[in-house]
Structure formats: structure tokens, C-alpha cells
């Protein structure tokens, strides 16, 4: 099952960051939101933070081709996204309307070790 990675920043405000984390603790995410995410085909989702930078890891089925933009015509999703917008800020290189920006893998230990077996050095 593939994993996809996305980045987003929070407003650089300690109180806002603490509230964002609180809202994402088990029992605080609205059940409808978790159900909508899961119903979209996402099997697992984790969000990590350092400073005000967030990284989201999403595990999806092999045939998953839905972009992370969940433009669901659902009032609860729109309400949750509006609430999250209070704490989030777009990355400077995000496209217009883009919240979570896909990340590109630039290193794989397994591939590096495999390539190293051929003795190739750069």
C-alpha cells in the first residue's frame, strides 16, 4: 500500500499550534470528518509537526487516485476546513486554493543500498 506525504504550515503562534494539536487528539476530531476521510479510500492518516511545519502521511490502496483535496459537498467537511483555516497558513509555493502540498521523495535507503551493491559512486 503506497504512502503519500504532504506539507502545510500552521500560523507561527504557540497558542494556535497548541489548539490545533488539541483539536487533533483522539476524541476531538469530529467523527463525521474521520468517517469522510476513511470513506474516501484513505486507510491511514498521520500528521507530524516540527515547529509550525506539518507533514501528513496518508496510506492508500494501490489503485487510489483521488487528490488530497477533499472538495466534498458536505457541510461538516466545509465547517471543519473553515475551523482548521484559523490555524493553518499556505506554503509560499502552494498553488492557488491548495492547502496540503504533495511532497516528492528524494531519498530511499533501500534503493541506495541496492545501487551500492553495483559499486557505483558519484
PDB file of N, CA and C in Angstrom:
ATOM      1  N   UNK A   1       0.838  -1.182   0.000  1.00  0.00           N
ATOM      2  CA  UNK A   1       0.000   0.000   0.000  1.00  0.00           C
ATOM      3  C   UNK A   1       0.883   1.245   0.000  1.00  0.00           C
ATOM      4  N   UNK A   2       0.676   2.106  -0.978  1.00  0.00           N
ATOM      5  CA  UNK A   2       1.514   3.301  -1.056  1.00  0.00           C
ATOM      6  C   UNK A   2       1.215   4.310   0.058  1.00  0.00           C
ATOM      7  N   UNK A   3       2.241   5.051   0.368  1.00  0.00           N
ATOM      8  CA  UNK A   3       2.105   6.173   1.293  1.00  0.00           C
ATOM      9  C   UNK A   3       2.366   7.446   0.515  1.00  0.00           C
ATOM     10  N   UNK A   4       1.613   8.460   0.836  1.00  0.00           N
ATOM     11  CA  UNK A   4       1.808   9.772   0.231  1.00  0.00           C
ATOM     12  C   UNK A   4       2.065  10.771   1.353  1.00  0.00           C
ATOM     13  N   UNK A   5       2.848  11.781   1.027  1.00  0.00           N
ATOM     14  CA  UNK A   5       3.282  12.754   2.024  1.00  0.00           C
ATOM     15  C   UNK A   5       2.910  14.155   1.558  1.00  0.00           C
ATOM     16  N   UNK A   6       2.449  14.957   2.518  1.00  0.00           N
ATOM     17  CA  UNK A   6       2.003  16.313   2.225  1.00  0.00           C
ATOM     18  C   UNK A   6       2.529  17.246   3.315  1.00  0.00           C
ATOM     19  N   UNK A   7       2.724  18.521   2.955  1.00  0.00           N
ATOM     20  CA  UNK A   7       3.206  19.512   3.915  1.00  0.00           C
ATOM     21  C   UNK A   7       2.269  20.713   3.954  1.00  0.00           C
ATOM     22  N   UNK A   8       2.229  21.342   5.103  1.00  0.00           N
ATOM     23  CA  UNK A   8       1.428  22.543   5.339  1.00  0.00           C
ATOM     24  C   UNK A   8       2.003  23.223   6.569  1.00  0.00           C
ATOM     25  N   UNK A   9       1.883  24.512   6.649  1.00  0.00           N
ATOM     26  CA  UNK A   9       2.341  25.245   7.830  1.00  0.00           C
ATOM     27  C   UNK A   9       1.160  25.676   8.687  1.00  0.00           C
ATOM     28  N   UNK A  10       1.436  25.812   9.973  1.00  0.00           N
ATOM     29  CA  UNK A  10       0.500  26.447  10.896  1.00  0.00           C
ATOM     30  C   UNK A  10       0.944  27.887  11.094  1.00  0.00           C
ATOM     31  N   UNK A  11       0.019  28.723  11.518  1.00  0.00           N
ATOM     32  CA  UNK A  11       0.420  30.073  11.905  1.00  0.00           C
ATOM     33  C   UNK A  11       1.454  29.928  13.011  1.00  0.00           C
ATOM     34  N   UNK A  12       2.477  30.738  12.974  1.00  0.00           N
ATOM     35  CA  UNK A  12       3.557  30.636  13.948  1.00  0.00           C
ATOM     36  C   UNK A  12       3.146  31.326  15.246  1.00  0.00           C
ATOM     37  N   UNK A  13       2.251  30.672  15.963  1.00  0.00           N
ATOM     38  CA  UNK A  13       1.676  31.210  17.189  1.00  0.00           C
ATOM     39  C   UNK A  13       1.503  30.042  18.153  1.00  0.00           C
ATOM     40  N   UNK A  14       2.185  30.087  19.283  1.00  0.00           N
ATOM     41  CA  UNK A  14       2.181  28.946  20.211  1.00  0.00           C
ATOM     42  C   UNK A  14       0.783  28.540  20.655  1.00  0.00           C
ATOM     43  N   UNK A  15      -0.076  29.511  20.944  1.00  0.00           N
ATOM     44  CA  UNK A  15      -1.436  29.187  21.393  1.00  0.00           C
ATOM     45  C   UNK A  15      -2.235  28.530  20.266  1.00  0.00           C
ATOM     46  N   UNK A  16      -2.094  29.026  19.044  1.00  0.00           N
ATOM     47  CA  UNK A  16      -2.805  28.451  17.901  1.00  0.00           C
ATOM     48  C   UNK A  16      -2.311  27.027  17.625  1.00  0.00           C
ATOM     49  N   UNK A  17      -1.012  26.823  17.721  1.00  0.00           N
ATOM     50  CA  UNK A  17      -0.448  25.487  17.497  1.00  0.00           C
ATOM     51  C   UNK A  17      -0.964  24.518  18.559  1.00  0.00           C
ATOM     52  N   UNK A  18      -0.985  24.951  19.808  1.00  0.00           N
ATOM     53  CA  UNK A  18      -1.482  24.093  20.889  1.00  0.00           C
ATOM     54  C   UNK A  18      -2.953  23.735  20.665  1.00  0.00           C
ATOM     55  N   UNK A  19      -3.743  24.696  20.217  1.00  0.00           N
ATOM     56  CA  UNK A  19      -5.166  24.433  19.963  1.00  0.00           C
ATOM     57  C   UNK A  19      -5.339  23.485  18.774  1.00  0.00           C
ATOM     58  N   UNK A  20      -4.550  23.662  17.738  1.00  0.00           N
ATOM     59  CA  UNK A  20      -4.604  22.769  16.571  1.00  0.00           C
ATOM     60  C   UNK A  20      -4.285  21.338  16.999  1.00  0.00           C
ATOM     61  N   UNK A  21      -3.256  21.184  17.808  1.00  0.00           N
ATOM     62  CA  UNK A  21      -2.908  19.844  18.309  1.00  0.00           C
ATOM     63  C   UNK A  21      -4.040  19.270  19.165  1.00  0.00           C
ATOM     64  N   UNK A  22      -4.622  20.107  20.020  1.00  0.00           N
ATOM     65  CA  UNK A  22      -5.722  19.644  20.865  1.00  0.00           C
ATOM     66  C   UNK A  22      -6.889  19.144  20.006  1.00  0.00           C
ATOM     67  N   UNK A  23      -7.200  19.886  18.954  1.00  0.00           N
ATOM     68  CA  UNK A  23      -8.310  19.505  18.078  1.00  0.00           C
ATOM     69  C   UNK A  23      -8.056  18.193  17.333  1.00  0.00           C
ATOM     70  N   UNK A  24      -6.794  17.790  17.231  1.00  0.00           N
ATOM     71  CA  UNK A  24      -6.448  16.562  16.515  1.00  0.00           C
ATOM     72  C   UNK A  24      -6.193  15.368  17.437  1.00  0.00           C
ATOM     73  N   UNK A  25      -6.393  15.539  18.727  1.00  0.00           N
ATOM     74  CA  UNK A  25      -6.229  14.420  19.658  1.00  0.00           C
ATOM     75  C   UNK A  25      -7.412  13.460  19.531  1.00  0.00           C
ATOM     76  N   UNK A  26      -7.168  12.171  19.839  1.00  0.00           N
ATOM     77  CA  UNK A  26      -8.276  11.196  19.778  1.00  0.00           C
ATOM     78  C   UNK A  26      -9.482  11.689  20.586  1.00  0.00           C
ATOM     79  N   UNK A  27     -10.641  11.591  19.966  1.00  0.00           N
ATOM     80  CA  UNK A  27     -11.873  12.041  20.610  1.00  0.00           C
ATOM     81  C   UNK A  27     -12.244  13.474  20.299  1.00  0.00           C
ATOM     82  N   UNK A  28     -11.305  14.248  19.728  1.00  0.00           N
ATOM     83  CA  UNK A  28     -11.596  15.650  19.422  1.00  0.00           C
ATOM     84  C   UNK A  28     -11.891  15.903  17.949  1.00  0.00           C
ATOM     85  N   UNK A  29     -11.366  15.058  17.070  1.00  0.00           N
ATOM     86  CA  UNK A  29     -11.694  15.193  15.646  1.00  0.00           C
ATOM     87  C   UNK A  29     -13.148  14.773  15.495  1.00  0.00           C
ATOM     88  N   UNK A  30     -13.920  15.575  14.810  1.00  0.00           N
ATOM     89  CA  UNK A  30     -15.331  15.263  14.632  1.00  0.00           C
ATOM     90  C   UNK A  30     -15.468  13.888  13.983  1.00  0.00           C
ATOM     91  N   UNK A  31     -16.302  13.026  14.520  1.00  0.00           N
ATOM     92  CA  UNK A  31     -16.450  11.668  13.967  1.00  0.00           C
ATOM     93  C   UNK A  31     -16.833  11.670  12.488  1.00  0.00           C
ATOM     94  N   UNK A  32     -17.625  12.642  12.066  1.00  0.00           N
ATOM     95  CA  UNK A  32     -18.028  12.727  10.663  1.00  0.00           C
ATOM     96  C   UNK A  32     -16.828  12.977   9.752  1.00  0.00           C
ATOM     97  N   UNK A  33     -15.852  13.713  10.265  1.00  0.00           N
ATOM     98  CA  UNK A  33     -14.656  14.023   9.470  1.00  0.00           C
ATOM     99  C   UNK A  33     -13.815  12.769   9.301  1.00  0.00           C
ATOM    100  N   UNK A  34     -13.588  12.048  10.397  1.00  0.00           N
ATOM    101  CA  UNK A  34     -12.824  10.797  10.307  1.00  0.00           C
ATOM    102  C   UNK A  34     -13.530   9.816   9.368  1.00  0.00           C
ATOM    103  N   UNK A  35     -14.852   9.745   9.446  1.00  0.00           N
ATOM    104  CA  UNK A  35     -15.612   8.831   8.582  1.00  0.00           C
ATOM    105  C   UNK A  35     -15.503   9.239   7.118  1.00  0.00           C
ATOM    106  N   UNK A  36     -15.557  10.541   6.839  1.00  0.00           N
ATOM    107  CA  UNK A  36     -15.441  11.025   5.457  1.00  0.00           C
ATOM    108  C   UNK A  36     -14.060  10.724   4.893  1.00  0.00           C
ATOM    109  N   UNK A  37     -13.028  10.930   5.693  1.00  0.00           N
ATOM    110  CA  UNK A  37     -11.663  10.632   5.247  1.00  0.00           C
ATOM    111  C   UNK A  37     -11.552   9.151   4.912  1.00  0.00           C
ATOM    112  N   UNK A  38     -12.019   8.314   5.810  1.00  0.00           N
ATOM    113  CA  UNK A  38     -11.933   6.868   5.596  1.00  0.00           C
ATOM    114  C   UNK A  38     -12.774   6.439   4.394  1.00  0.00           C
ATOM    115  N   UNK A  39     -13.967   7.007   4.254  1.00  0.00           N
ATOM    116  CA  UNK A  39     -14.848   6.657   3.142  1.00  0.00           C
ATOM    117  C   UNK A  39     -14.257   7.065   1.793  1.00  0.00           C
ATOM    118  N   UNK A  40     -13.342   8.039   1.799  1.00  0.00           N
ATOM    119  CA  UNK A  40     -12.714   8.469   0.544  1.00  0.00           C
ATOM    120  C   UNK A  40     -11.673   7.471   0.060  1.00  0.00           C
ATOM    121  N   UNK A  41     -11.397   6.433   0.877  1.00  0.00           N
ATOM    122  CA  UNK A  41     -10.431   5.413   0.491  1.00  0.00           C
ATOM    123  C   UNK A  41      -9.123   5.491   1.245  1.00  0.00           C
ATOM    124  N   UNK A  42      -8.953   6.504   2.068  1.00  0.00           N
ATOM    125  CA  UNK A  42      -7.721   6.638   2.847  1.00  0.00           C
ATOM    126  C   UNK A  42      -7.768   5.621   3.984  1.00  0.00           C
ATOM    127  N   UNK A  43      -6.733   4.770   4.046  1.00  0.00           N
ATOM    128  CA  UNK A  43      -6.705   3.698   5.041  1.00  0.00           C
ATOM    129  C   UNK A  43      -6.081   4.133   6.358  1.00  0.00           C
ATOM    130  N   UNK A  44      -5.123   5.048   6.291  1.00  0.00           N
ATOM    131  CA  UNK A  44      -4.471   5.566   7.498  1.00  0.00           C
ATOM    132  C   UNK A  44      -3.969   6.961   7.182  1.00  0.00           C
ATOM    133  N   UNK A  45      -4.008   7.814   8.188  1.00  0.00           N
ATOM    134  CA  UNK A  45      -3.516   9.179   8.053  1.00  0.00           C
ATOM    135  C   UNK A  45      -2.872   9.574   9.369  1.00  0.00           C
ATOM    136  N   UNK A  46      -1.678  10.129   9.275  1.00  0.00           N
ATOM    137  CA  UNK A  46      -0.980  10.640  10.449  1.00  0.00           C
ATOM    138  C   UNK A  46      -0.456  12.030  10.111  1.00  0.00           C
ATOM    139  N   UNK A  47      -0.435  12.898  11.109  1.00  0.00           N
ATOM    140  CA  UNK A  47       0.122  14.236  10.943  1.00  0.00           C
ATOM    141  C   UNK A  47       1.220  14.408  11.977  1.00  0.00           C
ATOM    142  N   UNK A  48       2.377  14.874  11.521  1.00  0.00           N
ATOM    143  CA  UNK A  48       3.528  15.134  12.380  1.00  0.00           C
ATOM    144  C   UNK A  48       3.828  16.629  12.333  1.00  0.00           C
ATOM    145  N   UNK A  49       4.421  17.138  13.416  1.00  0.00           N
ATOM    146  CA  UNK A  49       4.735  18.566  13.497  1.00  0.00           C
ATOM    147  C   UNK A  49       6.142  18.781  14.017  1.00  0.00           C
ATOM    148  N   UNK A  50       6.815  19.746  13.424  1.00  0.00           N
ATOM    149  CA  UNK A  50       8.033  20.309  13.985  1.00  0.00           C
ATOM    150  C   UNK A  50       7.923  21.821  13.808  1.00  0.00           C
ATOM    151  N   UNK A  51       8.086  22.556  14.904  1.00  0.00           N
ATOM    152  CA  UNK A  51       7.854  23.995  14.821  1.00  0.00           C
ATOM    153  C   UNK A  51       6.433  24.233  14.352  1.00  0.00           C
ATOM    154  N   UNK A  52       6.279  25.021  13.281  1.00  0.00           N
ATOM    155  CA  UNK A  52       4.947  25.239  12.741  1.00  0.00           C
ATOM    156  C   UNK A  52       4.728  24.483  11.424  1.00  0.00           C
ATOM    157  N   UNK A  53       5.663  23.604  11.063  1.00  0.00           N
ATOM    158  CA  UNK A  53       5.534  22.805   9.833  1.00  0.00           C
ATOM    159  C   UNK A  53       4.861  21.477  10.134  1.00  0.00           C
ATOM    160  N   UNK A  54       3.852  21.137   9.328  1.00  0.00           N
ATOM    161  CA  UNK A  54       3.153  19.862   9.437  1.00  0.00           C
ATOM    162  C   UNK A  54       3.526  18.969   8.261  1.00  0.00           C
ATOM    163  N   UNK A  55       3.622  17.679   8.529  1.00  0.00           N
ATOM    164  CA  UNK A  55       3.777  16.677   7.480  1.00  0.00           C
ATOM    165  C   UNK A  55       2.677  15.647   7.709  1.00  0.00           C
ATOM    166  N   UNK A  56       1.894  15.400   6.662  1.00  0.00           N
ATOM    167  CA  UNK A  56       0.820  14.421   6.741  1.00  0.00           C
ATOM    168  C   UNK A  56       1.220  13.203   5.909  1.00  0.00           C
ATOM    169  N   UNK A  57       1.091  12.032   6.516  1.00  0.00           N
ATOM    170  CA  UNK A  57       1.371  10.770   5.841  1.00  0.00           C
ATOM    171  C   UNK A  57       0.037  10.061   5.644  1.00  0.00           C
ATOM    172  N   UNK A  58      -0.235   9.689   4.405  1.00  0.00           N
ATOM    173  CA  UNK A  58      -1.503   9.068   4.054  1.00  0.00           C
ATOM    174  C   UNK A  58      -1.211   7.719   3.407  1.00  0.00           C
ATOM    175  N   UNK A  59      -1.820   6.685   3.931  1.00  0.00           N
ATOM    176  CA  UNK A  59      -1.694   5.352   3.341  1.00  0.00           C
ATOM    177  C   UNK A  59      -2.968   5.059   2.564  1.00  0.00           C
ATOM    178  N   UNK A  60      -2.788   4.676   1.302  1.00  0.00           N
ATOM    179  CA  UNK A  60      -3.926   4.478   0.398  1.00  0.00           C
ATOM    180  C   UNK A  60      -3.789   3.150  -0.336  1.00  0.00           C
ATOM    181  N   UNK A  61      -4.880   2.636  -0.915  1.00  0.00           N
ATOM    182  CA  UNK A  61      -4.786   1.419  -1.722  1.00  0.00           C
ATOM    183  C   UNK A  61      -3.958   1.671  -2.985  1.00  0.00           C
ATOM    184  N   UNK A  62      -3.467   0.611  -3.585  1.00  0.00           N
ATOM    185  CA  UNK A  62      -2.646   0.722  -4.794  1.00  0.00           C
ATOM    186  C   UNK A  62      -3.335   1.496  -5.912  1.00  0.00           C
ATOM    187  N   UNK A  63      -4.635   1.356  -6.039  1.00  0.00           N
ATOM    188  CA  UNK A  63      -5.362   1.989  -7.136  1.00  0.00           C
ATOM    189  C   UNK A  63      -5.944   3.354  -6.774  1.00  0.00           C
ATOM    190  N   UNK A  64      -5.536   3.924  -5.665  1.00  0.00           N
ATOM    191  CA  UNK A  64      -6.083   5.206  -5.199  1.00  0.00           C
ATOM    192  C   UNK A  64      -5.562   6.324  -6.084  1.00  0.00           C
ATOM    193  N   UNK A  65      -6.457   7.117  -6.643  1.00  0.00           N
ATOM    194  CA  UNK A  65      -6.028   8.221  -7.495  1.00  0.00           C
ATOM    195  C   UNK A  65      -6.761   9.523  -7.197  1.00  0.00           C
ATOM    196  N   UNK A  66      -7.346   9.627  -6.016  1.00  0.00           N
ATOM    197  CA  UNK A  66      -8.075  10.834  -5.623  1.00  0.00           C
ATOM    198  C   UNK A  66      -7.087  11.826  -5.023  1.00  0.00           C
ATOM    199  N   UNK A  67      -7.070  13.073  -5.504  1.00  0.00           N
ATOM    200  CA  UNK A  67      -6.171  14.057  -4.876  1.00  0.00           C
ATOM    201  C   UNK A  67      -6.595  14.321  -3.437  1.00  0.00           C
ATOM    202  N   UNK A  68      -5.662  14.796  -2.638  1.00  0.00           N
ATOM    203  CA  UNK A  68      -5.934  15.017  -1.220  1.00  0.00           C
ATOM    204  C   UNK A  68      -6.957  16.140  -1.026  1.00  0.00           C
ATOM    205  N   UNK A  69      -7.183  16.952  -2.034  1.00  0.00           N
ATOM    206  CA  UNK A  69      -8.224  17.979  -1.945  1.00  0.00           C
ATOM    207  C   UNK A  69      -9.553  17.259  -1.820  1.00  0.00           C
ATOM    208  N   UNK A  70     -10.109  17.251  -0.661  1.00  0.00           N
ATOM    209  CA  UNK A  70     -11.406  16.604  -0.463  1.00  0.00           C
ATOM    210  C   UNK A  70     -12.486  17.655  -0.638  1.00  0.00           C
ATOM    211  N   UNK A  71     -12.773  17.998  -1.863  1.00  0.00           N
ATOM    212  CA  UNK A  71     -13.798  19.006  -2.123  1.00  0.00           C
ATOM    213  C   UNK A  71     -15.155  18.320  -2.109  1.00  0.00           C
ATOM    214  N   UNK A  72     -15.476  17.801  -0.961  1.00  0.00           N
ATOM    215  CA  UNK A  72     -16.732  17.090  -0.772  1.00  0.00           C
ATOM    216  C   UNK A  72     -17.824  18.122  -0.529  1.00  0.00           C
ATOM    217  N   UNK A  73     -18.941  17.898  -1.156  1.00  0.00           N
ATOM    218  CA  UNK A  73     -20.067  18.802  -0.949  1.00  0.00           C
ATOM    219  C   UNK A  73     -20.791  18.388   0.326  1.00  0.00           C
ATOM    220  N   UNK A  74     -20.109  18.587   1.430  1.00  0.00           N
ATOM    221  CA  UNK A  74     -20.597  18.138   2.730  1.00  0.00           C
ATOM    222  C   UNK A  74     -20.439  19.277   3.726  1.00  0.00           C
ATOM    223  N   UNK A  75     -21.514  19.726   4.344  1.00  0.00           N
ATOM    224  CA  UNK A  75     -21.437  20.853   5.271  1.00  0.00           C
ATOM    225  C   UNK A  75     -20.472  20.633   6.443  1.00  0.00           C
ATOM    226  N   UNK A  76     -20.389  19.404   6.963  1.00  0.00           N
ATOM    227  CA  UNK A  76     -19.481  19.139   8.086  1.00  0.00           C
ATOM    228  C   UNK A  76     -18.024  19.291   7.652  1.00  0.00           C
ATOM    229  N   UNK A  77     -17.703  18.795   6.469  1.00  0.00           N
ATOM    230  CA  UNK A  77     -16.331  18.925   5.959  1.00  0.00           C
ATOM    231  C   UNK A  77     -15.988  20.394   5.759  1.00  0.00           C
ATOM    232  N   UNK A  78     -16.908  21.153   5.194  1.00  0.00           N
ATOM    233  CA  UNK A  78     -16.659  22.580   4.996  1.00  0.00           C
ATOM    234  C   UNK A  78     -16.493  23.300   6.341  1.00  0.00           C
ATOM    235  N   UNK A  79     -17.278  22.933   7.332  1.00  0.00           N
ATOM    236  CA  UNK A  79     -17.163  23.542   8.660  1.00  0.00           C
ATOM    237  C   UNK A  79     -15.825  23.197   9.310  1.00  0.00           C
ATOM    238  N   UNK A  80     -15.396  21.924   9.187  1.00  0.00           N
ATOM    239  CA  UNK A  80     -14.108  21.507   9.752  1.00  0.00           C
ATOM    240  C   UNK A  80     -12.970  22.254   9.063  1.00  0.00           C
ATOM    241  N   UNK A  81     -13.028  22.329   7.734  1.00  0.00           N
ATOM    242  CA  UNK A  81     -11.964  23.021   6.991  1.00  0.00           C
ATOM    243  C   UNK A  81     -11.921  24.504   7.357  1.00  0.00           C
ATOM    244  N   UNK A  82     -13.075  25.114   7.549  1.00  0.00           N
ATOM    245  CA  UNK A  82     -13.114  26.526   7.968  1.00  0.00           C
ATOM    246  C   UNK A  82     -12.483  26.688   9.352  1.00  0.00           C
ATOM    247  N   UNK A  83     -12.753  25.744  10.253  1.00  0.00           N
ATOM    248  CA  UNK A  83     -12.146  25.783  11.582  1.00  0.00           C
ATOM    249  C   UNK A  83     -10.634  25.623  11.481  1.00  0.00           C
ATOM    250  N   UNK A  84     -10.160  24.676  10.670  1.00  0.00           N
ATOM    251  CA  UNK A  84      -8.722  24.445  10.529  1.00  0.00           C
ATOM    252  C   UNK A  84      -8.024  25.642   9.887  1.00  0.00           C
ATOM    253  N   UNK A  85      -8.714  26.339   9.006  1.00  0.00           N
ATOM    254  CA  UNK A  85      -8.130  27.516   8.351  1.00  0.00           C
ATOM    255  C   UNK A  85      -7.730  28.596   9.352  1.00  0.00           C
ATOM    256  N   UNK A  86      -8.347  28.595  10.527  1.00  0.00           N
ATOM    257  CA  UNK A  86      -7.967  29.574  11.559  1.00  0.00           C
ATOM    258  C   UNK A  86      -6.518  29.377  11.998  1.00  0.00           C
ATOM    259  N   UNK A  87      -6.022  28.149  11.877  1.00  0.00           N
ATOM    260  CA  UNK A  87      -4.705  27.798  12.403  1.00  0.00           C
ATOM    261  C   UNK A  87      -3.660  27.596  11.311  1.00  0.00           C
ATOM    262  N   UNK A  88      -4.110  27.323  10.104  1.00  0.00           N
ATOM    263  CA  UNK A  88      -3.199  26.958   9.023  1.00  0.00           C
ATOM    264  C   UNK A  88      -2.820  28.157   8.169  1.00  0.00           C
ATOM    265  N   UNK A  89      -1.646  28.040   7.547  1.00  0.00           N
ATOM    266  CA  UNK A  89      -1.248  29.014   6.532  1.00  0.00           C
ATOM    267  C   UNK A  89      -0.624  28.235   5.377  1.00  0.00           C
ATOM    268  N   UNK A  90      -0.878  28.706   4.176  1.00  0.00           N
ATOM    269  CA  UNK A  90      -0.413  28.002   2.993  1.00  0.00           C
ATOM    270  C   UNK A  90       1.101  28.148   2.838  1.00  0.00           C
ATOM    271  N   UNK A  91       1.710  27.139   2.278  1.00  0.00           N
ATOM    272  CA  UNK A  91       3.126  27.235   1.942  1.00  0.00           C
ATOM    273  C   UNK A  91       3.284  28.257   0.814  1.00  0.00           C
ATOM    274  N   UNK A  92       4.387  28.996   0.809  1.00  0.00           N
ATOM    275  CA  UNK A  92       4.553  30.041  -0.212  1.00  0.00           C
ATOM    276  C   UNK A  92       4.474  29.510  -1.649  1.00  0.00           C
ATOM    277  N   UNK A  93       4.815  28.259  -1.870  1.00  0.00           N
ATOM    278  CA  UNK A  93       4.816  27.688  -3.219  1.00  0.00           C
ATOM    279  C   UNK A  93       3.541  26.901  -3.531  1.00  0.00           C
ATOM    280  N   UNK A  94       2.573  26.942  -2.633  1.00  0.00           N
ATOM    281  CA  UNK A  94       1.300  26.252  -2.880  1.00  0.00           C
ATOM    282  C   UNK A  94       0.555  26.932  -4.023  1.00  0.00           C
ATOM    283  N   UNK A  95      -0.136  26.115  -4.800  1.00  0.00           N
ATOM    284  CA  UNK A  95      -0.959  26.666  -5.867  1.00  0.00           C
ATOM    285  C   UNK A  95      -2.181  27.353  -5.250  1.00  0.00           C
ATOM    286  N   UNK A  96      -2.799  28.220  -5.998  1.00  0.00           N
ATOM    287  CA  UNK A  96      -3.993  28.914  -5.533  1.00  0.00           C
ATOM    288  C   UNK A  96      -5.039  27.895  -5.090  1.00  0.00           C
ATOM    289  N   UNK A  97      -5.541  28.067  -3.876  1.00  0.00           N
ATOM    290  CA  UNK A  97      -6.550  27.167  -3.337  1.00  0.00           C
ATOM    291  C   UNK A  97      -6.001  25.865  -2.769  1.00  0.00           C
ATOM    292  N   UNK A  98      -4.707  25.639  -2.897  1.00  0.00           N
ATOM    293  CA  UNK A  98      -4.106  24.393  -2.399  1.00  0.00           C
ATOM    294  C   UNK A  98      -3.725  24.547  -0.945  1.00  0.00           C
ATOM    295  N   UNK A  99      -4.118  23.573  -0.153  1.00  0.00           N
ATOM    296  CA  UNK A  99      -3.808  23.588   1.265  1.00  0.00           C
ATOM    297  C   UNK A  99      -2.601  22.682   1.526  1.00  0.00           C
ATOM    298  N   UNK A 100      -2.802  21.390   1.466  1.00  0.00           N
ATOM    299  CA  UNK A 100      -1.726  20.430   1.685  1.00  0.00           C
ATOM    300  C   UNK A 100      -0.972  20.238   0.371  1.00  0.00           C
ATOM    301  N   UNK A 101       0.341  20.469   0.393  1.00  0.00           N
ATOM    302  CA  UNK A 101       1.166  20.374  -0.808  1.00  0.00           C
ATOM    303  C   UNK A 101       1.853  19.007  -0.836  1.00  0.00           C
ATOM    304  N   UNK A 102       1.704  18.270  -1.960  1.00  0.00           N
ATOM    305  CA  UNK A 102       2.372  16.971  -2.056  1.00  0.00           C
ATOM    306  C   UNK A 102       3.885  17.128  -1.967  1.00  0.00           C
ATOM    307  N   UNK A 103       4.517  16.180  -1.301  1.00  0.00           N
ATOM    308  CA  UNK A 103       5.968  16.172  -1.168  1.00  0.00           C
ATOM    309  C   UNK A 103       6.546  15.120  -2.115  1.00  0.00           C
ATOM    310  N   UNK A 104       7.726  15.388  -2.634  1.00  0.00           N
ATOM    311  CA  UNK A 104       8.404  14.448  -3.525  1.00  0.00           C
ATOM    312  C   UNK A 104       9.491  13.719  -2.755  1.00  0.00           C
ATOM    313  N   UNK A 105       9.531  12.410  -2.908  1.00  0.00           N
ATOM    314  CA  UNK A 105      10.590  11.624  -2.272  1.00  0.00           C
ATOM    315  C   UNK A 105      11.899  11.898  -2.999  1.00  0.00           C
ATOM    316  N   UNK A 106      12.942  12.175  -2.233  1.00  0.00           N
ATOM    317  CA  UNK A 106      14.246  12.426  -2.835  1.00  0.00           C
ATOM    318  C   UNK A 106      15.302  11.430  -2.385  1.00  0.00           C
ATOM    319  N   UNK A 107      14.950  10.535  -1.456  1.00  0.00           N
ATOM    320  CA  UNK A 107      15.921   9.557  -0.956  1.00  0.00           C
ATOM    321  C   UNK A 107      15.201   8.301  -0.527  1.00  0.00           C
ATOM    322  N   UNK A 108      15.801   7.174  -0.829  1.00  0.00           N
ATOM    323  CA  UNK A 108      15.329   5.878  -0.352  1.00  0.00           C
ATOM    324  C   UNK A 108      16.551   5.080   0.089  1.00  0.00           C
ATOM    325  N   UNK A 109      16.583   4.680   1.336  1.00  0.00           N
ATOM    326  CA  UNK A 109      17.690   3.877   1.828  1.00  0.00           C
ATOM    327  C   UNK A 109      17.765   2.554   1.085  1.00  0.00           C
ATOM    328  N   UNK A 110      16.616   1.904   0.882  1.00  0.00           N
ATOM    329  CA  UNK A 110      16.607   0.615   0.190  1.00  0.00           C
ATOM    330  C   UNK A 110      17.184   0.740  -1.216  1.00  0.00           C
ATOM    331  N   UNK A 111      16.774   1.754  -1.951  1.00  0.00           N
ATOM    332  CA  UNK A 111      17.300   1.943  -3.307  1.00  0.00           C
ATOM    333  C   UNK A 111      18.776   2.297  -3.278  1.00  0.00           C
ATOM    334  N   UNK A 112      19.188   3.086  -2.299  1.00  0.00           N
ATOM    335  CA  UNK A 112      20.595   3.463  -2.185  1.00  0.00           C
ATOM    336  C   UNK A 112      21.457   2.247  -1.884  1.00  0.00           C
ATOM    337  N   UNK A 113      21.007   1.408  -0.957  1.00  0.00           N
ATOM    338  CA  UNK A 113      21.767   0.193  -0.642  1.00  0.00           C
ATOM    339  C   UNK A 113      21.817  -0.736  -1.845  1.00  0.00           C
ATOM    340  N   UNK A 114      20.719  -0.849  -2.564  1.00  0.00           N
ATOM    341  CA  UNK A 114      20.671  -1.700  -3.741  1.00  0.00           C
ATOM    342  C   UNK A 114      21.626  -1.171  -4.817  1.00  0.00           C
ATOM    343  N   UNK A 115      21.643   0.123  -5.039  1.00  0.00           N
ATOM    344  CA  UNK A 115      22.539   0.717  -6.021  1.00  0.00           C
ATOM    345  C   UNK A 115      23.994   0.583  -5.600  1.00  0.00           C
ATOM    346  N   UNK A 116      24.213   0.607  -4.272  1.00  0.00           N
ATOM    347  CA  UNK A 116      25.576   0.485  -3.753  1.00  0.00           C
ATOM    348  C   UNK A 116      26.191  -0.875  -4.009  1.00  0.00           C
ATOM    349  N   UNK A 117      25.354  -1.868  -4.188  1.00  0.00           N
ATOM    350  CA  UNK A 117      25.851  -3.221  -4.450  1.00  0.00           C
ATOM    351  C   UNK A 117      26.546  -3.289  -5.796  1.00  0.00           C
ATOM    352  N   UNK A 118      26.216  -2.362  -6.698  1.00  0.00           N
ATOM    353  CA  UNK A 118      26.853  -2.364  -8.015  1.00  0.00           C
ATOM    354  C   UNK A 118      28.199  -1.668  -7.981  1.00  0.00           C
ATOM    355  N   UNK A 119      28.512  -1.047  -6.859  1.00  0.00           N
ATOM    356  CA  UNK A 119      29.804  -0.371  -6.723  1.00  0.00           C
ATOM    357  C   UNK A 119      29.853   0.999  -7.363  1.00  0.00           C
ATOM    358  N   UNK A 120      28.717   1.490  -7.802  1.00  0.00           N
ATOM    359  CA  UNK A 120      28.662   2.786  -8.475  1.00  0.00           C
ATOM    360  C   UNK A 120      28.780   3.911  -7.463  1.00  0.00           C
ATOM    361  N   UNK A 121      29.698   4.847  -7.722  1.00  0.00           N
ATOM    362  CA  UNK A 121      29.856   6.022  -6.859  1.00  0.00           C
ATOM    363  C   UNK A 121      29.731   7.260  -7.713  1.00  0.00           C
ATOM    364  N   UNK A 122      29.166   8.306  -7.094  1.00  0.00           N
ATOM    365  CA  UNK A 122      29.015   9.569  -7.839  1.00  0.00           C
ATOM    366  C   UNK A 122      29.960  10.596  -7.319  1.00  0.00           C
TER     367      UNK A 122
END
